[in-house]
Amino acid sequence: MVIKTTIKKMFNSDKPLKAFADVEIDGSIVIHSVAVMETEKGRHISMPYTKWKNKDGEEKQHDVVHPITSYARRQIEESVLAAYDSHIKE
């Protein structure tokens, strides 16, 4: 799997959201708006999702896209975090 990550937007704040990235997989698929998050538990990525309220008014959340295997998740996360680190050093 060939993964190319581009950091699209950085956030300089004390909030957990640090950046948005686009992830291209095998030159065939792109995932826009993968979030780089930094919390007390460490850094991780958050895949794009959508929110809505059900008929009872409860807010629901559903991933728009997500890796199926832990291997794919690890590969994407490593690529995004490496791109983020590289972008910070610039």
PDB file of N, CA and C in Angstrom:
ATOM      1  N   MET A   1       0.849  -1.170   0.000  1.00  0.00           N
ATOM      2  CA  MET A   1       0.000   0.000   0.000  1.00  0.00           C
ATOM      3  C   MET A   1       0.899   1.239   0.000  1.00  0.00           C
ATOM      4  N   VAL A   2       0.698   2.100  -0.991  1.00  0.00           N
ATOM      5  CA  VAL A   2       1.453   3.346  -1.083  1.00  0.00           C
ATOM      6  C   VAL A   2       0.550   4.476  -0.606  1.00  0.00           C
ATOM      7  N   ILE A   3       1.002   5.171   0.436  1.00  0.00           N
ATOM      8  CA  ILE A   3       0.200   6.234   1.038  1.00  0.00           C
ATOM      9  C   ILE A   3       0.960   7.552   0.946  1.00  0.00           C
ATOM     10  N   LYS A   4       0.294   8.571   0.422  1.00  0.00           N
ATOM     11  CA  LYS A   4       0.859   9.910   0.333  1.00  0.00           C
ATOM     12  C   LYS A   4      -0.046  10.839   1.123  1.00  0.00           C
ATOM     13  N   THR A   5       0.528  11.574   2.067  1.00  0.00           N
ATOM     14  CA  THR A   5      -0.255  12.458   2.926  1.00  0.00           C
ATOM     15  C   THR A   5       0.179  13.896   2.740  1.00  0.00           C
ATOM     16  N   THR A   6      -0.812  14.774   2.655  1.00  0.00           N
ATOM     17  CA  THR A   6      -0.574  16.204   2.546  1.00  0.00           C
ATOM     18  C   THR A   6      -1.322  16.908   3.675  1.00  0.00           C
ATOM     19  N   ILE A   7      -0.587  17.705   4.452  1.00  0.00           N
ATOM     20  CA  ILE A   7      -1.227  18.498   5.499  1.00  0.00           C
ATOM     21  C   ILE A   7      -1.868  19.701   4.816  1.00  0.00           C
ATOM     22  N   LYS A   8      -3.180  19.863   5.009  1.00  0.00           N
ATOM     23  CA  LYS A   8      -3.925  20.920   4.331  1.00  0.00           C
ATOM     24  C   LYS A   8      -4.159  22.146   5.207  1.00  0.00           C
ATOM     25  N   LYS A   9      -4.342  21.944   6.496  1.00  0.00           N
ATOM     26  CA  LYS A   9      -4.612  23.072   7.384  1.00  0.00           C
ATOM     27  C   LYS A   9      -4.088  22.759   8.774  1.00  0.00           C
ATOM     28  N   MET A  10      -3.401  23.738   9.368  1.00  0.00           N
ATOM     29  CA  MET A  10      -2.873  23.602  10.723  1.00  0.00           C
ATOM     30  C   MET A  10      -3.665  24.512  11.660  1.00  0.00           C
ATOM     31  N   PHE A  11      -3.746  24.117  12.924  1.00  0.00           N
ATOM     32  CA  PHE A  11      -4.414  24.914  13.942  1.00  0.00           C
ATOM     33  C   PHE A  11      -3.433  25.150  15.082  1.00  0.00           C
ATOM     34  N   ASN A  12      -3.206  26.401  15.404  1.00  0.00           N
ATOM     35  CA  ASN A  12      -2.308  26.754  16.504  1.00  0.00           C
ATOM     36  C   ASN A  12      -3.151  27.182  17.698  1.00  0.00           C
ATOM     37  N   SER A  13      -3.607  26.211  18.446  1.00  0.00           N
ATOM     38  CA  SER A  13      -4.418  26.511  19.623  1.00  0.00           C
ATOM     39  C   SER A  13      -4.173  25.446  20.679  1.00  0.00           C
ATOM     40  N   ASP A  14      -4.790  25.647  21.825  1.00  0.00           N
ATOM     41  CA  ASP A  14      -4.646  24.674  22.904  1.00  0.00           C
ATOM     42  C   ASP A  14      -5.729  23.599  22.837  1.00  0.00           C
ATOM     43  N   LYS A  15      -6.504  23.582  21.755  1.00  0.00           N
ATOM     44  CA  LYS A  15      -7.541  22.565  21.571  1.00  0.00           C
ATOM     45  C   LYS A  15      -6.927  21.288  20.995  1.00  0.00           C
ATOM     46  N   PRO A  16      -7.607  20.160  21.125  1.00  0.00           N
ATOM     47  CA  PRO A  16      -7.051  18.886  20.649  1.00  0.00           C
ATOM     48  C   PRO A  16      -6.827  18.811  19.133  1.00  0.00           C
ATOM     49  N   LEU A  17      -7.650  19.490  18.338  1.00  0.00           N
ATOM     50  CA  LEU A  17      -7.495  19.441  16.884  1.00  0.00           C
ATOM     51  C   LEU A  17      -6.269  20.238  16.475  1.00  0.00           C
ATOM     52  N   LYS A  18      -5.311  19.569  15.819  1.00  0.00           N
ATOM     53  CA  LYS A  18      -4.062  20.211  15.431  1.00  0.00           C
ATOM     54  C   LYS A  18      -3.936  20.436  13.930  1.00  0.00           C
ATOM     55  N   ALA A  19      -4.571  19.568  13.106  1.00  0.00           N
ATOM     56  CA  ALA A  19      -4.422  19.720  11.658  1.00  0.00           C
ATOM     57  C   ALA A  19      -5.444  18.862  10.926  1.00  0.00           C
ATOM     58  N   PHE A  20      -5.629  19.200   9.631  1.00  0.00           N
ATOM     59  CA  PHE A  20      -6.377  18.355   8.713  1.00  0.00           C
ATOM     60  C   PHE A  20      -5.430  17.915   7.609  1.00  0.00           C
ATOM     61  N   ALA A  21      -5.577  16.660   7.195  1.00  0.00           N
ATOM     62  CA  ALA A  21      -4.722  16.103   6.148  1.00  0.00           C
ATOM     63  C   ALA A  21      -5.572  15.416   5.086  1.00  0.00           C
ATOM     64  N   ASP A  22      -5.011  15.356   3.875  1.00  0.00           N
ATOM     65  CA  ASP A  22      -5.579  14.543   2.807  1.00  0.00           C
ATOM     66  C   ASP A  22      -4.672  13.332   2.641  1.00  0.00           C
ATOM     67  N   VAL A  23      -5.266  12.160   2.508  1.00  0.00           N
ATOM     68  CA  VAL A  23      -4.503  10.911   2.395  1.00  0.00           C
ATOM     69  C   VAL A  23      -4.849  10.244   1.076  1.00  0.00           C
ATOM     70  N   GLU A  24      -3.827  10.054   0.244  1.00  0.00           N
ATOM     71  CA  GLU A  24      -3.997   9.378  -1.045  1.00  0.00           C
ATOM     72  C   GLU A  24      -3.479   7.950  -0.904  1.00  0.00           C
ATOM     73  N   ILE A  25      -4.285   6.986  -1.338  1.00  0.00           N
ATOM     74  CA  ILE A  25      -3.924   5.578  -1.203  1.00  0.00           C
ATOM     75  C   ILE A  25      -3.773   4.960  -2.584  1.00  0.00           C
ATOM     76  N   ASP A  26      -2.578   4.426  -2.828  1.00  0.00           N
ATOM     77  CA  ASP A  26      -2.255   3.734  -4.082  1.00  0.00           C
ATOM     78  C   ASP A  26      -2.597   4.555  -5.326  1.00  0.00           C
ATOM     79  N   GLY A  27      -2.532   5.876  -5.221  1.00  0.00           N
ATOM     80  CA  GLY A  27      -2.811   6.725  -6.367  1.00  0.00           C
ATOM     81  C   GLY A  27      -4.216   6.551  -6.910  1.00  0.00           C
ATOM     82  N   SER A  28      -5.115   5.968  -6.111  1.00  0.00           N
ATOM     83  CA  SER A  28      -6.459   5.639  -6.595  1.00  0.00           C
ATOM     84  C   SER A  28      -7.591   6.248  -5.775  1.00  0.00           C
ATOM     85  N   ILE A  29      -7.356   6.441  -4.497  1.00  0.00           N
ATOM     86  CA  ILE A  29      -8.399   6.917  -3.591  1.00  0.00           C
ATOM     87  C   ILE A  29      -7.807   8.023  -2.731  1.00  0.00           C
ATOM     88  N   VAL A  30      -8.600   9.055  -2.462  1.00  0.00           N
ATOM     89  CA  VAL A  30      -8.158  10.096  -1.540  1.00  0.00           C
ATOM     90  C   VAL A  30      -9.195  10.237  -0.428  1.00  0.00           C
ATOM     91  N   ILE A  31      -8.704  10.406   0.776  1.00  0.00           N
ATOM     92  CA  ILE A  31      -9.553  10.656   1.935  1.00  0.00           C
ATOM     93  C   ILE A  31      -9.244  12.079   2.381  1.00  0.00           C
ATOM     94  N   HIS A  32     -10.232  12.963   2.311  1.00  0.00           N
ATOM     95  CA  HIS A  32     -10.051  14.350   2.714  1.00  0.00           C
ATOM     96  C   HIS A  32     -10.406  14.516   4.186  1.00  0.00           C
ATOM     97  N   SER A  33      -9.767  15.485   4.811  1.00  0.00           N
ATOM     98  CA  SER A  33     -10.094  15.922   6.176  1.00  0.00           C
ATOM     99  C   SER A  33      -9.878  14.867   7.256  1.00  0.00           C
ATOM    100  N   VAL A  34      -8.758  14.168   7.179  1.00  0.00           N
ATOM    101  CA  VAL A  34      -8.346  13.297   8.282  1.00  0.00           C
ATOM    102  C   VAL A  34      -7.760  14.223   9.348  1.00  0.00           C
ATOM    103  N   ALA A  35      -8.275  14.159  10.554  1.00  0.00           N
ATOM    104  CA  ALA A  35      -7.865  15.076  11.620  1.00  0.00           C
ATOM    105  C   ALA A  35      -6.699  14.517  12.420  1.00  0.00           C
ATOM    106  N   VAL A  36      -5.748  15.396  12.742  1.00  0.00           N
ATOM    107  CA  VAL A  36      -4.670  15.065  13.672  1.00  0.00           C
ATOM    108  C   VAL A  36      -5.096  15.617  15.023  1.00  0.00           C
ATOM    109  N   MET A  37      -5.179  14.741  15.997  1.00  0.00           N
ATOM    110  CA  MET A  37      -5.640  15.106  17.337  1.00  0.00           C
ATOM    111  C   MET A  37      -4.505  14.887  18.334  1.00  0.00           C
ATOM    112  N   GLU A  38      -4.429  15.773  19.335  1.00  0.00           N
ATOM    113  CA  GLU A  38      -3.449  15.603  20.405  1.00  0.00           C
ATOM    114  C   GLU A  38      -4.160  15.837  21.730  1.00  0.00           C
ATOM    115  N   THR A  39      -4.225  14.782  22.534  1.00  0.00           N
ATOM    116  CA  THR A  39      -4.896  14.848  23.831  1.00  0.00           C
ATOM    117  C   THR A  39      -3.930  14.366  24.917  1.00  0.00           C
ATOM    118  N   GLU A  40      -4.427  14.313  26.128  1.00  0.00           N
ATOM    119  CA  GLU A  40      -3.592  13.811  27.225  1.00  0.00           C
ATOM    120  C   GLU A  40      -3.207  12.352  27.016  1.00  0.00           C
ATOM    121  N   LYS A  41      -3.942  11.639  26.172  1.00  0.00           N
ATOM    122  CA  LYS A  41      -3.630  10.238  25.869  1.00  0.00           C
ATOM    123  C   LYS A  41      -2.606  10.108  24.744  1.00  0.00           C
ATOM    124  N   GLY A  42      -2.230  11.224  24.115  1.00  0.00           N
ATOM    125  CA  GLY A  42      -1.250  11.202  23.037  1.00  0.00           C
ATOM    126  C   GLY A  42      -1.848  11.656  21.715  1.00  0.00           C
ATOM    127  N   ARG A  43      -1.062  11.459  20.646  1.00  0.00           N
ATOM    128  CA  ARG A  43      -1.510  11.864  19.313  1.00  0.00           C
ATOM    129  C   ARG A  43      -2.184  10.707  18.608  1.00  0.00           C
ATOM    130  N   HIS A  44      -3.188  11.030  17.817  1.00  0.00           N
ATOM    131  CA  HIS A  44      -3.862  10.022  17.009  1.00  0.00           C
ATOM    132  C   HIS A  44      -4.579  10.729  15.858  1.00  0.00           C
ATOM    133  N   ILE A  45      -5.124   9.948  14.966  1.00  0.00           N
ATOM    134  CA  ILE A  45      -5.896  10.533  13.872  1.00  0.00           C
ATOM    135  C   ILE A  45      -7.372  10.213  14.072  1.00  0.00           C
ATOM    136  N   SER A  46      -8.196  11.029  13.451  1.00  0.00           N
ATOM    137  CA  SER A  46      -9.632  10.818  13.467  1.00  0.00           C
ATOM    138  C   SER A  46     -10.110  10.881  12.023  1.00  0.00           C
ATOM    139  N   MET A  47     -10.776   9.826  11.594  1.00  0.00           N
ATOM    140  CA  MET A  47     -11.256   9.766  10.221  1.00  0.00           C
ATOM    141  C   MET A  47     -12.484  10.667  10.074  1.00  0.00           C
ATOM    142  N   PRO A  48     -12.772  11.107   8.843  1.00  0.00           N
ATOM    143  CA  PRO A  48     -13.937  11.975   8.623  1.00  0.00           C
ATOM    144  C   PRO A  48     -15.235  11.283   9.058  1.00  0.00           C
ATOM    145  N   TYR A  49     -16.138  12.065   9.591  1.00  0.00           N
ATOM    146  CA  TYR A  49     -17.417  11.514  10.045  1.00  0.00           C
ATOM    147  C   TYR A  49     -18.529  12.523   9.805  1.00  0.00           C
ATOM    148  N   THR A  50     -19.733  12.060   9.906  1.00  0.00           N
ATOM    149  CA  THR A  50     -20.909  12.908   9.788  1.00  0.00           C
ATOM    150  C   THR A  50     -21.727  12.778  11.071  1.00  0.00           C
ATOM    151  N   LYS A  51     -22.432  13.860  11.428  1.00  0.00           N
ATOM    152  CA  LYS A  51     -23.283  13.864  12.626  1.00  0.00           C
ATOM    153  C   LYS A  51     -24.712  14.158  12.220  1.00  0.00           C
ATOM    154  N   TRP A  52     -25.641  13.635  12.979  1.00  0.00           N
ATOM    155  CA  TRP A  52     -27.054  13.932  12.771  1.00  0.00           C
ATOM    156  C   TRP A  52     -27.805  13.641  14.058  1.00  0.00           C
ATOM    157  N   LYS A  53     -29.046  14.097  14.107  1.00  0.00           N
ATOM    158  CA  LYS A  53     -29.905  13.802  15.253  1.00  0.00           C
ATOM    159  C   LYS A  53     -30.967  12.812  14.803  1.00  0.00           C
ATOM    160  N   ASN A  54     -31.175  11.799  15.639  1.00  0.00           N
ATOM    161  CA  ASN A  54     -32.196  10.807  15.311  1.00  0.00           C
ATOM    162  C   ASN A  54     -33.583  11.348  15.689  1.00  0.00           C
ATOM    163  N   LYS A  55     -34.603  10.544  15.508  1.00  0.00           N
ATOM    164  CA  LYS A  55     -35.976  11.004  15.750  1.00  0.00           C
ATOM    165  C   LYS A  55     -36.225  11.386  17.208  1.00  0.00           C
ATOM    166  N   ASP A  56     -35.385  10.872  18.125  1.00  0.00           N
ATOM    167  CA  ASP A  56     -35.509  11.211  19.542  1.00  0.00           C
ATOM    168  C   ASP A  56     -34.673  12.430  19.932  1.00  0.00           C
ATOM    169  N   GLY A  57     -34.004  13.032  18.948  1.00  0.00           N
ATOM    170  CA  GLY A  57     -33.183  14.207  19.203  1.00  0.00           C
ATOM    171  C   GLY A  57     -31.788  13.897  19.710  1.00  0.00           C
ATOM    172  N   GLU A  58     -31.431  12.618  19.755  1.00  0.00           N
ATOM    173  CA  GLU A  58     -30.082  12.233  20.198  1.00  0.00           C
ATOM    174  C   GLU A  58     -29.101  12.442  19.052  1.00  0.00           C
ATOM    175  N   GLU A  59     -27.931  13.026  19.383  1.00  0.00           N
ATOM    176  CA  GLU A  59     -26.923  13.229  18.365  1.00  0.00           C
ATOM    177  C   GLU A  59     -26.193  11.923  18.088  1.00  0.00           C
ATOM    178  N   LYS A  60     -26.099  11.567  16.821  1.00  0.00           N
ATOM    179  CA  LYS A  60     -25.414  10.345  16.390  1.00  0.00           C
ATOM    180  C   LYS A  60     -24.236  10.726  15.511  1.00  0.00           C
ATOM    181  N   GLN A  61     -23.261   9.841  15.451  1.00  0.00           N
ATOM    182  CA  GLN A  61     -22.071  10.061  14.646  1.00  0.00           C
ATOM    183  C   GLN A  61     -21.766   8.791  13.879  1.00  0.00           C
ATOM    184  N   HIS A  62     -21.345   8.944  12.629  1.00  0.00           N
ATOM    185  CA  HIS A  62     -21.042   7.789  11.789  1.00  0.00           C
ATOM    186  C   HIS A  62     -19.829   8.113  10.932  1.00  0.00           C
ATOM    187  N   ASP A  63     -18.838   7.217  10.923  1.00  0.00           N
ATOM    188  CA  ASP A  63     -17.668   7.417  10.074  1.00  0.00           C
ATOM    189  C   ASP A  63     -18.072   7.424   8.605  1.00  0.00           C
ATOM    190  N   VAL A  64     -17.514   8.364   7.846  1.00  0.00           N
ATOM    191  CA  VAL A  64     -17.730   8.413   6.405  1.00  0.00           C
ATOM    192  C   VAL A  64     -16.845   7.370   5.737  1.00  0.00           C
ATOM    193  N   VAL A  65     -15.645   7.234   6.263  1.00  0.00           N
ATOM    194  CA  VAL A  65     -14.676   6.266   5.751  1.00  0.00           C
ATOM    195  C   VAL A  65     -13.820   5.806   6.925  1.00  0.00           C
ATOM    196  N   HIS A  66     -13.393   4.552   6.880  1.00  0.00           N
ATOM    197  CA  HIS A  66     -12.497   4.064   7.926  1.00  0.00           C
ATOM    198  C   HIS A  66     -11.758   2.830   7.420  1.00  0.00           C
ATOM    199  N   PRO A  67     -10.547   2.604   7.933  1.00  0.00           N
ATOM    200  CA  PRO A  67      -9.804   1.401   7.558  1.00  0.00           C
ATOM    201  C   PRO A  67     -10.498   0.159   8.123  1.00  0.00           C
ATOM    202  N   ILE A  68     -10.439  -0.915   7.377  1.00  0.00           N
ATOM    203  CA  ILE A  68     -11.066  -2.154   7.822  1.00  0.00           C
ATOM    204  C   ILE A  68     -10.113  -2.970   8.683  1.00  0.00           C
ATOM    205  N   THR A  69      -8.826  -2.955   8.341  1.00  0.00           N
ATOM    206  CA  THR A  69      -7.858  -3.755   9.099  1.00  0.00           C
ATOM    207  C   THR A  69      -6.996  -2.872   9.993  1.00  0.00           C
ATOM    208  N   SER A  70      -6.464  -3.454  11.034  1.00  0.00           N
ATOM    209  CA  SER A  70      -5.570  -2.713  11.924  1.00  0.00           C
ATOM    210  C   SER A  70      -4.280  -2.342  11.190  1.00  0.00           C
ATOM    211  N   TYR A  71      -3.843  -3.184  10.247  1.00  0.00           N
ATOM    212  CA  TYR A  71      -2.660  -2.880   9.446  1.00  0.00           C
ATOM    213  C   TYR A  71      -2.879  -1.601   8.633  1.00  0.00           C
ATOM    214  N   ALA A  72      -4.014  -1.505   7.954  1.00  0.00           N
ATOM    215  CA  ALA A  72      -4.312  -0.315   7.150  1.00  0.00           C
ATOM    216  C   ALA A  72      -4.403   0.916   8.051  1.00  0.00           C
ATOM    217  N   ARG A  73      -5.043   0.780   9.182  1.00  0.00           N
ATOM    218  CA  ARG A  73      -5.157   1.898  10.128  1.00  0.00           C
ATOM    219  C   ARG A  73      -3.779   2.371  10.568  1.00  0.00           C
ATOM    220  N   ARG A  74      -2.907   1.450  10.904  1.00  0.00           N
ATOM    221  CA  ARG A  74      -1.557   1.776  11.358  1.00  0.00           C
ATOM    222  C   ARG A  74      -0.772   2.479  10.249  1.00  0.00           C
ATOM    223  N   GLN A  75      -0.877   1.977   9.015  1.00  0.00           N
ATOM    224  CA  GLN A  75      -0.165   2.570   7.882  1.00  0.00           C
ATOM    225  C   GLN A  75      -0.633   4.010   7.646  1.00  0.00           C
ATOM    226  N   ILE A  76      -1.935   4.233   7.673  1.00  0.00           N
ATOM    227  CA  ILE A  76      -2.480   5.576   7.463  1.00  0.00           C
ATOM    228  C   ILE A  76      -2.064   6.500   8.599  1.00  0.00           C
ATOM    229  N   GLU A  77      -2.189   6.025   9.828  1.00  0.00           N
ATOM    230  CA  GLU A  77      -1.832   6.848  10.978  1.00  0.00           C
ATOM    231  C   GLU A  77      -0.352   7.230  10.958  1.00  0.00           C
ATOM    232  N   GLU A  78       0.513   6.281  10.645  1.00  0.00           N
ATOM    233  CA  GLU A  78       1.949   6.574  10.576  1.00  0.00           C
ATOM    234  C   GLU A  78       2.249   7.614   9.502  1.00  0.00           C
ATOM    235  N   SER A  79       1.597   7.505   8.350  1.00  0.00           N
ATOM    236  CA  SER A  79       1.805   8.458   7.270  1.00  0.00           C
ATOM    237  C   SER A  79       1.336   9.857   7.652  1.00  0.00           C
ATOM    238  N   VAL A  80       0.155   9.955   8.248  1.00  0.00           N
ATOM    239  CA  VAL A  80      -0.394  11.259   8.628  1.00  0.00           C
ATOM    240  C   VAL A  80       0.465  11.908   9.713  1.00  0.00           C
ATOM    241  N   LEU A  81       0.841  11.161  10.726  1.00  0.00           N
ATOM    242  CA  LEU A  81       1.636  11.740  11.813  1.00  0.00           C
ATOM    243  C   LEU A  81       3.040  12.126  11.343  1.00  0.00           C
ATOM    244  N   ALA A  82       3.621  11.359  10.428  1.00  0.00           N
ATOM    245  CA  ALA A  82       4.932  11.713   9.867  1.00  0.00           C
ATOM    246  C   ALA A  82       4.827  13.008   9.055  1.00  0.00           C
ATOM    247  N   ALA A  83       3.767  13.151   8.269  1.00  0.00           N
ATOM    248  CA  ALA A  83       3.563  14.378   7.493  1.00  0.00           C
ATOM    249  C   ALA A  83       3.348  15.566   8.423  1.00  0.00           C
ATOM    250  N   TYR A  84       2.615  15.350   9.502  1.00  0.00           N
ATOM    251  CA  TYR A  84       2.375  16.408  10.487  1.00  0.00           C
ATOM    252  C   TYR A  84       3.690  16.835  11.133  1.00  0.00           C
ATOM    253  N   ASP A  85       4.504  15.884  11.573  1.00  0.00           N
ATOM    254  CA  ASP A  85       5.799  16.194  12.176  1.00  0.00           C
ATOM    255  C   ASP A  85       6.688  16.957  11.201  1.00  0.00           C
ATOM    256  N   SER A  86       6.698  16.524   9.956  1.00  0.00           N
ATOM    257  CA  SER A  86       7.504  17.187   8.936  1.00  0.00           C
ATOM    258  C   SER A  86       7.014  18.616   8.708  1.00  0.00           C
ATOM    259  N   HIS A  87       5.728  18.803   8.685  1.00  0.00           N
ATOM    260  CA  HIS A  87       5.150  20.140   8.475  1.00  0.00           C
ATOM    261  C   HIS A  87       5.491  21.083   9.628  1.00  0.00           C
ATOM    262  N   ILE A  88       5.506  20.560  10.838  1.00  0.00           N
ATOM    263  CA  ILE A  88       5.847  21.379  12.019  1.00  0.00           C
ATOM    264  C   ILE A  88       7.286  21.845  11.933  1.00  0.00           C
ATOM    265  N   LYS A  89       8.182  20.997  11.451  1.00  0.00           N
ATOM    266  CA  LYS A  89       9.609  21.326  11.391  1.00  0.00           C
ATOM    267  C   LYS A  89       9.930  22.377  10.334  1.00  0.00           C
ATOM    268  N   GLU A  90       9.033  22.556   9.368  1.00  0.00           N
ATOM    269  CA  GLU A  90       9.275  23.538   8.295  1.00  0.00           C
ATOM    270  C   GLU A  90       9.177  24.962   8.783  1.00  0.00           C
TER     271      GLU A  90
END
